[in-house]
PDB file of N, CA and C in Angstrom:
ATOM      1  N   MET A   1     -47.648 -45.375  -5.444  1.00  0.00           N
ATOM      2  CA  MET A   1     -46.540 -44.857  -4.667  1.00  0.00           C
ATOM      3  C   MET A   1     -46.603 -45.453  -3.265  1.00  0.00           C
ATOM      4  N   CYS A   2     -45.511 -45.893  -2.783  1.00  0.00           N
ATOM      5  CA  CYS A   2     -45.416 -46.541  -1.484  1.00  0.00           C
ATOM      6  C   CYS A   2     -45.547 -45.505  -0.363  1.00  0.00           C
ATOM      7  N   THR A   3     -46.018 -45.938   0.792  1.00  0.00           N
ATOM      8  CA  THR A   3     -46.173 -45.010   1.916  1.00  0.00           C
ATOM      9  C   THR A   3     -44.824 -44.470   2.387  1.00  0.00           C
ATOM     10  N   ILE A   4     -43.773 -45.256   2.249  1.00  0.00           N
ATOM     11  CA  ILE A   4     -42.439 -44.781   2.638  1.00  0.00           C
ATOM     12  C   ILE A   4     -42.003 -43.649   1.712  1.00  0.00           C
ATOM     13  N   GLU A   5     -42.282 -43.793   0.421  1.00  0.00           N
ATOM     14  CA  GLU A   5     -41.951 -42.744  -0.533  1.00  0.00           C
ATOM     15  C   GLU A   5     -42.773 -41.486  -0.277  1.00  0.00           C
ATOM     16  N   LYS A   6     -44.049 -41.672   0.062  1.00  0.00           N
ATOM     17  CA  LYS A   6     -44.905 -40.531   0.374  1.00  0.00           C
ATOM     18  C   LYS A   6     -44.376 -39.795   1.603  1.00  0.00           C
ATOM     19  N   GLN A   7     -43.973 -40.535   2.615  1.00  0.00           N
ATOM     20  CA  GLN A   7     -43.436 -39.914   3.819  1.00  0.00           C
ATOM     21  C   GLN A   7     -42.142 -39.175   3.515  1.00  0.00           C
ATOM     22  N   ALA A   8     -41.304 -39.720   2.654  1.00  0.00           N
ATOM     23  CA  ALA A   8     -40.052 -39.054   2.282  1.00  0.00           C
ATOM     24  C   ALA A   8     -40.326 -37.743   1.558  1.00  0.00           C
ATOM     25  N   VAL A   9     -41.314 -37.750   0.657  1.00  0.00           N
ATOM     26  CA  VAL A   9     -41.678 -36.530  -0.067  1.00  0.00           C
ATOM     27  C   VAL A   9     -42.236 -35.492   0.895  1.00  0.00           C
ATOM     28  N   ILE A  10     -43.095 -35.914   1.794  1.00  0.00           N
ATOM     29  CA  ILE A  10     -43.682 -34.995   2.775  1.00  0.00           C
ATOM     30  C   ILE A  10     -42.593 -34.404   3.672  1.00  0.00           C
ATOM     31  N   GLN A  11     -41.649 -35.225   4.117  1.00  0.00           N
ATOM     32  CA  GLN A  11     -40.557 -34.723   4.952  1.00  0.00           C
ATOM     33  C   GLN A  11     -39.686 -33.733   4.195  1.00  0.00           C
ATOM     34  N   ALA A  12     -39.427 -33.994   2.922  1.00  0.00           N
ATOM     35  CA  ALA A  12     -38.631 -33.070   2.109  1.00  0.00           C
ATOM     36  C   ALA A  12     -39.353 -31.735   1.942  1.00  0.00           C
ATOM     37  N   LEU A  13     -40.659 -31.782   1.696  1.00  0.00           N
ATOM     38  CA  LEU A  13     -41.432 -30.547   1.564  1.00  0.00           C
ATOM     39  C   LEU A  13     -41.499 -29.787   2.883  1.00  0.00           C
ATOM     40  N   LEU A  14     -41.627 -30.514   3.973  1.00  0.00           N
ATOM     41  CA  LEU A  14     -41.665 -29.887   5.288  1.00  0.00           C
ATOM     42  C   LEU A  14     -40.339 -29.209   5.603  1.00  0.00           C
ATOM     43  N   LEU A  15     -39.237 -29.870   5.293  1.00  0.00           N
ATOM     44  CA  LEU A  15     -37.917 -29.285   5.520  1.00  0.00           C
ATOM     45  C   LEU A  15     -37.735 -28.034   4.671  1.00  0.00           C
ATOM     46  N   SER A  16     -38.187 -28.074   3.428  1.00  0.00           N
ATOM     47  CA  SER A  16     -38.089 -26.912   2.543  1.00  0.00           C
ATOM     48  C   SER A  16     -38.897 -25.740   3.099  1.00  0.00           C
ATOM     49  N   THR A  17     -40.085 -26.018   3.594  1.00  0.00           N
ATOM     50  CA  THR A  17     -40.925 -24.979   4.185  1.00  0.00           C
ATOM     51  C   THR A  17     -40.263 -24.383   5.415  1.00  0.00           C
ATOM     52  N   TRP A  18     -39.699 -25.246   6.270  1.00  0.00           N
ATOM     53  CA  TRP A  18     -38.992 -24.758   7.462  1.00  0.00           C
ATOM     54  C   TRP A  18     -37.825 -23.874   7.076  1.00  0.00           C
ATOM     55  N   LEU A  19     -37.068 -24.288   6.064  1.00  0.00           N
ATOM     56  CA  LEU A  19     -35.924 -23.494   5.632  1.00  0.00           C
ATOM     57  C   LEU A  19     -36.366 -22.112   5.161  1.00  0.00           C
ATOM     58  N   GLN A  20     -37.431 -22.065   4.392  1.00  0.00           N
ATOM     59  CA  GLN A  20     -37.912 -20.780   3.883  1.00  0.00           C
ATOM     60  C   GLN A  20     -38.417 -19.885   5.003  1.00  0.00           C
ATOM     61  N   ARG A  21     -39.170 -20.450   5.925  1.00  0.00           N
ATOM     62  CA  ARG A  21     -39.708 -19.656   7.026  1.00  0.00           C
ATOM     63  C   ARG A  21     -38.599 -19.180   7.948  1.00  0.00           C
ATOM     64  N   LEU A  22     -37.666 -20.066   8.283  1.00  0.00           N
ATOM     65  CA  LEU A  22     -36.574 -19.662   9.157  1.00  0.00           C
ATOM     66  C   LEU A  22     -35.645 -18.671   8.473  1.00  0.00           C
ATOM     67  N   TYR A  23     -35.441 -18.816   7.168  1.00  0.00           N
ATOM     68  CA  TYR A  23     -34.651 -17.846   6.425  1.00  0.00           C
ATOM     69  C   TYR A  23     -35.267 -16.460   6.559  1.00  0.00           C
ATOM     70  N   PHE A  24     -36.569 -16.383   6.392  1.00  0.00           N
ATOM     71  CA  PHE A  24     -37.256 -15.105   6.520  1.00  0.00           C
ATOM     72  C   PHE A  24     -37.124 -14.552   7.938  1.00  0.00           C
ATOM     73  N   ILE A  25     -37.294 -15.381   8.947  1.00  0.00           N
ATOM     74  CA  ILE A  25     -37.200 -14.943  10.340  1.00  0.00           C
ATOM     75  C   ILE A  25     -35.794 -14.439  10.647  1.00  0.00           C
ATOM     76  N   ILE A  26     -34.781 -15.205  10.261  1.00  0.00           N
ATOM     77  CA  ILE A  26     -33.403 -14.819  10.552  1.00  0.00           C
ATOM     78  C   ILE A  26     -33.029 -13.549   9.799  1.00  0.00           C
ATOM     79  N   ARG A  27     -33.386 -13.468   8.540  1.00  0.00           N
ATOM     80  CA  ARG A  27     -33.051 -12.279   7.760  1.00  0.00           C
ATOM     81  C   ARG A  27     -33.777 -11.053   8.302  1.00  0.00           C
ATOM     82  N   SER A  28     -35.027 -11.187   8.678  1.00  0.00           N
ATOM     83  CA  SER A  28     -35.770 -10.072   9.262  1.00  0.00           C
ATOM     84  C   SER A  28     -35.144  -9.624  10.573  1.00  0.00           C
ATOM     85  N   PHE A  29     -34.675 -10.583  11.354  1.00  0.00           N
ATOM     86  CA  PHE A  29     -34.014 -10.255  12.621  1.00  0.00           C
ATOM     87  C   PHE A  29     -32.758  -9.423  12.371  1.00  0.00           C
ATOM     88  N   PHE A  30     -31.923  -9.854  11.420  1.00  0.00           N
ATOM     89  CA  PHE A  30     -30.707  -9.097  11.109  1.00  0.00           C
ATOM     90  C   PHE A  30     -31.039  -7.719  10.530  1.00  0.00           C
ATOM     91  N   MET A  31     -32.060  -7.645   9.681  1.00  0.00           N
ATOM     92  CA  MET A  31     -32.448  -6.360   9.120  1.00  0.00           C
ATOM     93  C   MET A  31     -32.922  -5.407  10.210  1.00  0.00           C
ATOM     94  N   SER A  32     -33.678  -5.909  11.175  1.00  0.00           N
ATOM     95  CA  SER A  32     -34.158  -5.033  12.244  1.00  0.00           C
ATOM     96  C   SER A  32     -33.010  -4.572  13.128  1.00  0.00           C
ATOM     97  N   LEU A  33     -32.062  -5.457  13.424  1.00  0.00           N
ATOM     98  CA  LEU A  33     -30.911  -5.044  14.227  1.00  0.00           C
ATOM     99  C   LEU A  33     -30.090  -3.973  13.514  1.00  0.00           C
ATOM    100  N   LEU A  34     -29.829  -4.179  12.231  1.00  0.00           N
ATOM    101  CA  LEU A  34     -29.082  -3.178  11.473  1.00  0.00           C
ATOM    102  C   LEU A  34     -29.853  -1.853  11.391  1.00  0.00           C
ATOM    103  N   GLY A  35     -31.146  -1.924  11.217  1.00  0.00           N
ATOM    104  CA  GLY A  35     -31.963  -0.717  11.161  1.00  0.00           C
ATOM    105  C   GLY A  35     -31.940   0.054  12.463  1.00  0.00           C
ATOM    106  N   VAL A  36     -31.989  -0.659  13.567  1.00  0.00           N
ATOM    107  CA  VAL A  36     -31.924  -0.009  14.878  1.00  0.00           C
ATOM    108  C   VAL A  36     -30.580   0.687  15.055  1.00  0.00           C
ATOM    109  N   VAL A  37     -29.511   0.021  14.671  1.00  0.00           N
ATOM    110  CA  VAL A  37     -28.173   0.610  14.816  1.00  0.00           C
ATOM    111  C   VAL A  37     -28.040   1.868  13.963  1.00  0.00           C
ATOM    112  N   ILE A  38     -28.458   1.805  12.710  1.00  0.00           N
ATOM    113  CA  ILE A  38     -28.350   2.967  11.822  1.00  0.00           C
ATOM    114  C   ILE A  38     -29.199   4.127  12.340  1.00  0.00           C
ATOM    115  N   THR A  39     -30.426   3.848  12.754  1.00  0.00           N
ATOM    116  CA  THR A  39     -31.299   4.895  13.285  1.00  0.00           C
ATOM    117  C   THR A  39     -30.744   5.476  14.574  1.00  0.00           C
ATOM    118  N   PHE A  40     -30.233   4.626  15.450  1.00  0.00           N
ATOM    119  CA  PHE A  40     -29.660   5.079  16.716  1.00  0.00           C
ATOM    120  C   PHE A  40     -28.467   5.996  16.468  1.00  0.00           C
ATOM    121  N   VAL A  41     -27.590   5.625  15.546  1.00  0.00           N
ATOM    122  CA  VAL A  41     -26.420   6.452  15.230  1.00  0.00           C
ATOM    123  C   VAL A  41     -26.867   7.803  14.683  1.00  0.00           C
ATOM    124  N   TYR A  42     -27.861   7.809  13.813  1.00  0.00           N
ATOM    125  CA  TYR A  42     -28.356   9.055  13.252  1.00  0.00           C
ATOM    126  C   TYR A  42     -28.911   9.962  14.354  1.00  0.00           C
ATOM    127  N   ILE A  43     -29.747   9.418  15.207  1.00  0.00           N
ATOM    128  CA  ILE A  43     -30.363  10.219  16.269  1.00  0.00           C
ATOM    129  C   ILE A  43     -29.311  10.702  17.265  1.00  0.00           C
ATOM    130  N   MET A  44     -28.339   9.861  17.577  1.00  0.00           N
ATOM    131  CA  MET A  44     -27.275  10.293  18.494  1.00  0.00           C
ATOM    132  C   MET A  44     -26.438  11.420  17.877  1.00  0.00           C
ATOM    133  N   TYR A  45     -26.237  11.386  16.587  1.00  0.00           N
ATOM    134  CA  TYR A  45     -25.424  12.399  15.921  1.00  0.00           C
ATOM    135  C   TYR A  45     -26.176  13.726  15.778  1.00  0.00           C
ATOM    136  N   PHE A  46     -27.431  13.661  15.306  1.00  0.00           N
ATOM    137  CA  PHE A  46     -28.199  14.879  15.058  1.00  0.00           C
ATOM    138  C   PHE A  46     -29.089  15.288  16.226  1.00  0.00           C
ATOM    139  N   GLY A  47     -29.399  14.403  17.131  1.00  0.00           N
ATOM    140  CA  GLY A  47     -30.139  14.744  18.332  1.00  0.00           C
ATOM    141  C   GLY A  47     -31.646  14.687  18.226  1.00  0.00           C
ATOM    142  N   LYS A  48     -32.196  14.680  17.046  1.00  0.00           N
ATOM    143  CA  LYS A  48     -33.658  14.618  16.903  1.00  0.00           C
ATOM    144  C   LYS A  48     -34.019  14.113  15.517  1.00  0.00           C
ATOM    145  N   ILE A  49     -35.305  13.831  15.375  1.00  0.00           N
ATOM    146  CA  ILE A  49     -35.817  13.371  14.086  1.00  0.00           C
ATOM    147  C   ILE A  49     -37.286  13.796  14.015  1.00  0.00           C
ATOM    148  N   ASP A  50     -37.711  14.331  12.889  1.00  0.00           N
ATOM    149  CA  ASP A  50     -39.117  14.691  12.729  1.00  0.00           C
ATOM    150  C   ASP A  50     -39.811  13.653  11.847  1.00  0.00           C
ATOM    151  N   ILE A  51     -41.091  13.855  11.585  1.00  0.00           N
ATOM    152  CA  ILE A  51     -41.881  12.842  10.902  1.00  0.00           C
ATOM    153  C   ILE A  51     -41.419  12.634   9.459  1.00  0.00           C
ATOM    154  N   TYR A  52     -41.138  13.715   8.739  1.00  0.00           N
ATOM    155  CA  TYR A  52     -40.735  13.579   7.339  1.00  0.00           C
ATOM    156  C   TYR A  52     -39.352  12.934   7.226  1.00  0.00           C
ATOM    157  N   LEU A  53     -38.462  13.382   8.074  1.00  0.00           N
ATOM    158  CA  LEU A  53     -37.130  12.795   8.077  1.00  0.00           C
ATOM    159  C   LEU A  53     -37.189  11.339   8.537  1.00  0.00           C
ATOM    160  N   GLY A  54     -38.099  11.030   9.454  1.00  0.00           N
ATOM    161  CA  GLY A  54     -38.274   9.650   9.902  1.00  0.00           C
ATOM    162  C   GLY A  54     -38.735   8.740   8.781  1.00  0.00           C
ATOM    163  N   LEU A  55     -39.659   9.237   7.955  1.00  0.00           N
ATOM    164  CA  LEU A  55     -40.128   8.449   6.815  1.00  0.00           C
ATOM    165  C   LEU A  55     -39.011   8.230   5.801  1.00  0.00           C
ATOM    166  N   ILE A  56     -38.287   9.294   5.489  1.00  0.00           N
ATOM    167  CA  ILE A  56     -37.179   9.171   4.535  1.00  0.00           C
ATOM    168  C   ILE A  56     -36.094   8.252   5.088  1.00  0.00           C
ATOM    169  N   LEU A  57     -35.754   8.450   6.356  1.00  0.00           N
ATOM    170  CA  LEU A  57     -34.739   7.604   6.992  1.00  0.00           C
ATOM    171  C   LEU A  57     -35.192   6.150   7.032  1.00  0.00           C
ATOM    172  N   GLY A  58     -36.479   5.907   7.280  1.00  0.00           N
ATOM    173  CA  GLY A  58     -37.006   4.551   7.302  1.00  0.00           C
ATOM    174  C   GLY A  58     -36.837   3.847   5.965  1.00  0.00           C
ATOM    175  N   VAL A  59     -37.119   4.558   4.883  1.00  0.00           N
ATOM    176  CA  VAL A  59     -36.959   3.970   3.547  1.00  0.00           C
ATOM    177  C   VAL A  59     -35.482   3.701   3.267  1.00  0.00           C
ATOM    178  N   ILE A  60     -34.629   4.681   3.588  1.00  0.00           N
ATOM    179  CA  ILE A  60     -33.194   4.512   3.353  1.00  0.00           C
ATOM    180  C   ILE A  60     -32.631   3.367   4.180  1.00  0.00           C
ATOM    181  N   VAL A  61     -33.033   3.279   5.435  1.00  0.00           N
ATOM    182  CA  VAL A  61     -32.550   2.203   6.313  1.00  0.00           C
ATOM    183  C   VAL A  61     -33.026   0.849   5.800  1.00  0.00           C
ATOM    184  N   PHE A  62     -34.286   0.768   5.356  1.00  0.00           N
ATOM    185  CA  PHE A  62     -34.790  -0.501   4.830  1.00  0.00           C
ATOM    186  C   PHE A  62     -33.994  -0.943   3.610  1.00  0.00           C
ATOM    187  N   VAL A  63     -33.783  -0.041   2.673  1.00  0.00           N
ATOM    188  CA  VAL A  63     -33.039  -0.383   1.461  1.00  0.00           C
ATOM    189  C   VAL A  63     -31.604  -0.775   1.808  1.00  0.00           C
ATOM    190  N   ALA A  64     -30.976  -0.017   2.713  1.00  0.00           N
ATOM    191  CA  ALA A  64     -29.589  -0.318   3.103  1.00  0.00           C
ATOM    192  C   ALA A  64     -29.494  -1.685   3.778  1.00  0.00           C
ATOM    193  N   THR A  65     -30.398  -1.973   4.710  1.00  0.00           N
ATOM    194  CA  THR A  65     -30.333  -3.268   5.395  1.00  0.00           C
ATOM    195  C   THR A  65     -30.678  -4.409   4.450  1.00  0.00           C
ATOM    196  N   PHE A  66     -31.574  -4.162   3.509  1.00  0.00           N
ATOM    197  CA  PHE A  66     -31.908  -5.184   2.518  1.00  0.00           C
ATOM    198  C   PHE A  66     -30.686  -5.526   1.673  1.00  0.00           C
ATOM    199  N   MET A  67     -29.963  -4.501   1.235  1.00  0.00           N
ATOM    200  CA  MET A  67     -28.768  -4.741   0.420  1.00  0.00           C
ATOM    201  C   MET A  67     -27.668  -5.427   1.236  1.00  0.00           C
ATOM    202  N   ILE A  68     -27.502  -5.022   2.475  1.00  0.00           N
ATOM    203  CA  ILE A  68     -26.473  -5.635   3.319  1.00  0.00           C
ATOM    204  C   ILE A  68     -26.778  -7.108   3.560  1.00  0.00           C
ATOM    205  N   THR A  69     -28.044  -7.413   3.858  1.00  0.00           N
ATOM    206  CA  THR A  69     -28.376  -8.825   4.093  1.00  0.00           C
ATOM    207  C   THR A  69     -28.286  -9.643   2.812  1.00  0.00           C
ATOM    208  N   ARG A  70     -28.514  -9.028   1.654  1.00  0.00           N
ATOM    209  CA  ARG A  70     -28.322  -9.757   0.381  1.00  0.00           C
ATOM    210  C   ARG A  70     -26.857 -10.082   0.152  1.00  0.00           C
ATOM    211  N   LEU A  71     -25.974  -9.209   0.601  1.00  0.00           N
ATOM    212  CA  LEU A  71     -24.536  -9.477   0.470  1.00  0.00           C
ATOM    213  C   LEU A  71     -24.116 -10.704   1.281  1.00  0.00           C
ATOM    214  N   PHE A  72     -24.786 -10.917   2.401  1.00  0.00           N
ATOM    215  CA  PHE A  72     -24.461 -12.042   3.278  1.00  0.00           C
ATOM    216  C   PHE A  72     -25.486 -13.164   3.160  1.00  0.00           C
ATOM    217  N   ASP A  73     -26.081 -13.312   1.991  1.00  0.00           N
ATOM    218  CA  ASP A  73     -27.128 -14.313   1.774  1.00  0.00           C
ATOM    219  C   ASP A  73     -26.622 -15.736   1.988  1.00  0.00           C
ATOM    220  N   VAL A  74     -25.419 -16.039   1.526  1.00  0.00           N
ATOM    221  CA  VAL A  74     -24.873 -17.397   1.680  1.00  0.00           C
ATOM    222  C   VAL A  74     -24.725 -17.745   3.162  1.00  0.00           C
ATOM    223  N   GLN A  75     -24.231 -16.805   3.944  1.00  0.00           N
ATOM    224  CA  GLN A  75     -24.057 -17.052   5.374  1.00  0.00           C
ATOM    225  C   GLN A  75     -25.401 -17.195   6.085  1.00  0.00           C
ATOM    226  N   ILE A  76     -26.403 -16.424   5.658  1.00  0.00           N
ATOM    227  CA  ILE A  76     -27.728 -16.526   6.274  1.00  0.00           C
ATOM    228  C   ILE A  76     -28.349 -17.878   5.955  1.00  0.00           C
ATOM    229  N   VAL A  77     -28.200 -18.355   4.729  1.00  0.00           N
ATOM    230  CA  VAL A  77     -28.727 -19.678   4.356  1.00  0.00           C
ATOM    231  C   VAL A  77     -28.022 -20.762   5.161  1.00  0.00           C
ATOM    232  N   ARG A  78     -26.710 -20.645   5.314  1.00  0.00           N
ATOM    233  CA  ARG A  78     -25.957 -21.626   6.105  1.00  0.00           C
ATOM    234  C   ARG A  78     -26.425 -21.618   7.564  1.00  0.00           C
ATOM    235  N   ALA A  79     -26.627 -20.436   8.126  1.00  0.00           N
ATOM    236  CA  ALA A  79     -27.121 -20.334   9.500  1.00  0.00           C
ATOM    237  C   ALA A  79     -28.519 -20.924   9.619  1.00  0.00           C
ATOM    238  N   THR A  80     -29.354 -20.691   8.613  1.00  0.00           N
ATOM    239  CA  THR A  80     -30.711 -21.233   8.629  1.00  0.00           C
ATOM    240  C   THR A  80     -30.690 -22.756   8.635  1.00  0.00           C
ATOM    241  N   LYS A  81     -29.839 -23.349   7.811  1.00  0.00           N
ATOM    242  CA  LYS A  81     -29.753 -24.813   7.770  1.00  0.00           C
ATOM    243  C   LYS A  81     -29.265 -25.371   9.100  1.00  0.00           C
ATOM    244  N   SER A  82     -28.312 -24.695   9.729  1.00  0.00           N
ATOM    245  CA  SER A  82     -27.833 -25.192  11.025  1.00  0.00           C
ATOM    246  C   SER A  82     -28.902 -25.045  12.098  1.00  0.00           C
ATOM    247  N   VAL A  83     -29.708 -23.986  12.025  1.00  0.00           N
ATOM    248  CA  VAL A  83     -30.810 -23.818  12.982  1.00  0.00           C
ATOM    249  C   VAL A  83     -31.851 -24.908  12.780  1.00  0.00           C
ATOM    250  N   VAL A  84     -32.139 -25.259  11.528  1.00  0.00           N
ATOM    251  CA  VAL A  84     -33.112 -26.332  11.258  1.00  0.00           C
ATOM    252  C   VAL A  84     -32.601 -27.650  11.828  1.00  0.00           C
ATOM    253  N   ARG A  85     -31.319 -27.937  11.609  1.00  0.00           N
ATOM    254  CA  ARG A  85     -30.756 -29.177  12.178  1.00  0.00           C
ATOM    255  C   ARG A  85     -30.835 -29.169  13.689  1.00  0.00           C
ATOM    256  N   TRP A  86     -30.524 -28.033  14.309  1.00  0.00           N
ATOM    257  CA  TRP A  86     -30.550 -27.926  15.767  1.00  0.00           C
ATOM    258  C   TRP A  86     -31.982 -28.063  16.286  1.00  0.00           C
ATOM    259  N   LEU A  87     -32.946 -27.441  15.597  1.00  0.00           N
ATOM    260  CA  LEU A  87     -34.342 -27.526  16.024  1.00  0.00           C
ATOM    261  C   LEU A  87     -34.917 -28.919  15.832  1.00  0.00           C
ATOM    262  N   GLY A  88     -34.293 -29.739  15.005  1.00  0.00           N
ATOM    263  CA  GLY A  88     -34.747 -31.109  14.830  1.00  0.00           C
ATOM    264  C   GLY A  88     -34.674 -31.903  16.122  1.00  0.00           C
ATOM    265  N   LYS A  89     -33.817 -31.479  17.041  1.00  0.00           N
ATOM    266  CA  LYS A  89     -33.669 -32.158  18.334  1.00  0.00           C
ATOM    267  C   LYS A  89     -34.700 -31.703  19.357  1.00  0.00           C
ATOM    268  N   TYR A  90     -35.272 -30.521  19.158  1.00  0.00           N
ATOM    269  CA  TYR A  90     -36.174 -29.923  20.140  1.00  0.00           C
ATOM    270  C   TYR A  90     -37.537 -29.681  19.509  1.00  0.00           C
ATOM    271  N   ASP A  91     -38.406 -30.663  19.617  1.00  0.00           N
ATOM    272  CA  ASP A  91     -39.707 -30.610  18.944  1.00  0.00           C
ATOM    273  C   ASP A  91     -40.589 -29.470  19.448  1.00  0.00           C
ATOM    274  N   ARG A  92     -40.645 -29.284  20.753  1.00  0.00           N
ATOM    275  CA  ARG A  92     -41.533 -28.258  21.306  1.00  0.00           C
ATOM    276  C   ARG A  92     -41.082 -26.855  20.910  1.00  0.00           C
ATOM    277  N   LEU A  93     -39.782 -26.607  20.966  1.00  0.00           N
ATOM    278  CA  LEU A  93     -39.257 -25.304  20.567  1.00  0.00           C
ATOM    279  C   LEU A  93     -39.493 -25.066  19.078  1.00  0.00           C
ATOM    280  N   ARG A  94     -39.249 -26.083  18.267  1.00  0.00           N
ATOM    281  CA  ARG A  94     -39.469 -25.985  16.824  1.00  0.00           C
ATOM    282  C   ARG A  94     -40.933 -25.669  16.531  1.00  0.00           C
ATOM    283  N   ASP A  95     -41.836 -26.393  17.159  1.00  0.00           N
ATOM    284  CA  ASP A  95     -43.259 -26.168  16.928  1.00  0.00           C
ATOM    285  C   ASP A  95     -43.687 -24.771  17.364  1.00  0.00           C
ATOM    286  N   PHE A  96     -43.118 -24.293  18.485  1.00  0.00           N
ATOM    287  CA  PHE A  96     -43.440 -22.935  18.951  1.00  0.00           C
ATOM    288  C   PHE A  96     -42.997 -21.893  17.939  1.00  0.00           C
ATOM    289  N   ILE A  97     -41.773 -22.017  17.453  1.00  0.00           N
ATOM    290  CA  ILE A  97     -41.249 -21.056  16.475  1.00  0.00           C
ATOM    291  C   ILE A  97     -42.042 -21.099  15.193  1.00  0.00           C
ATOM    292  N   MET A  98     -42.309 -22.314  14.694  1.00  0.00           N
ATOM    293  CA  MET A  98     -43.026 -22.434  13.430  1.00  0.00           C
ATOM    294  C   MET A  98     -44.477 -21.963  13.533  1.00  0.00           C
ATOM    295  N   ASN A  99     -45.091 -22.100  14.694  1.00  0.00           N
ATOM    296  CA  ASN A  99     -46.498 -21.716  14.841  1.00  0.00           C
ATOM    297  C   ASN A  99     -46.695 -20.253  15.190  1.00  0.00           C
ATOM    298  N   HIS A 100     -45.690 -19.592  15.770  1.00  0.00           N
ATOM    299  CA  HIS A 100     -45.886 -18.234  16.265  1.00  0.00           C
ATOM    300  C   HIS A 100     -45.084 -17.163  15.534  1.00  0.00           C
ATOM    301  N   PHE A 101     -44.220 -17.525  14.624  1.00  0.00           N
ATOM    302  CA  PHE A 101     -43.431 -16.505  13.914  1.00  0.00           C
ATOM    303  C   PHE A 101     -43.608 -16.619  12.429  1.00  0.00           C
TER     304      PHE A 101
END
């Protein structure tokens, strides 16, 4: 196998890894934002939350945000690909994100 072919394979694998990692980061970010909004609305409406209700609400919020982000999976993948293309221009920022998140 030629070194050019090896480099092409390595670059393809690296891009795939970046896509998967950034997909997870972006989806987790959206899930946390949705979870904060749902929890905030609940607390504003009822005024308080105890430990048992917090645990139940946490599970419900996680499942709800998971389902919502699955509905928008195509858009999240598209956003991830555009972020990868954009990060291709900024090596230091890309390396920071990939190494710390």
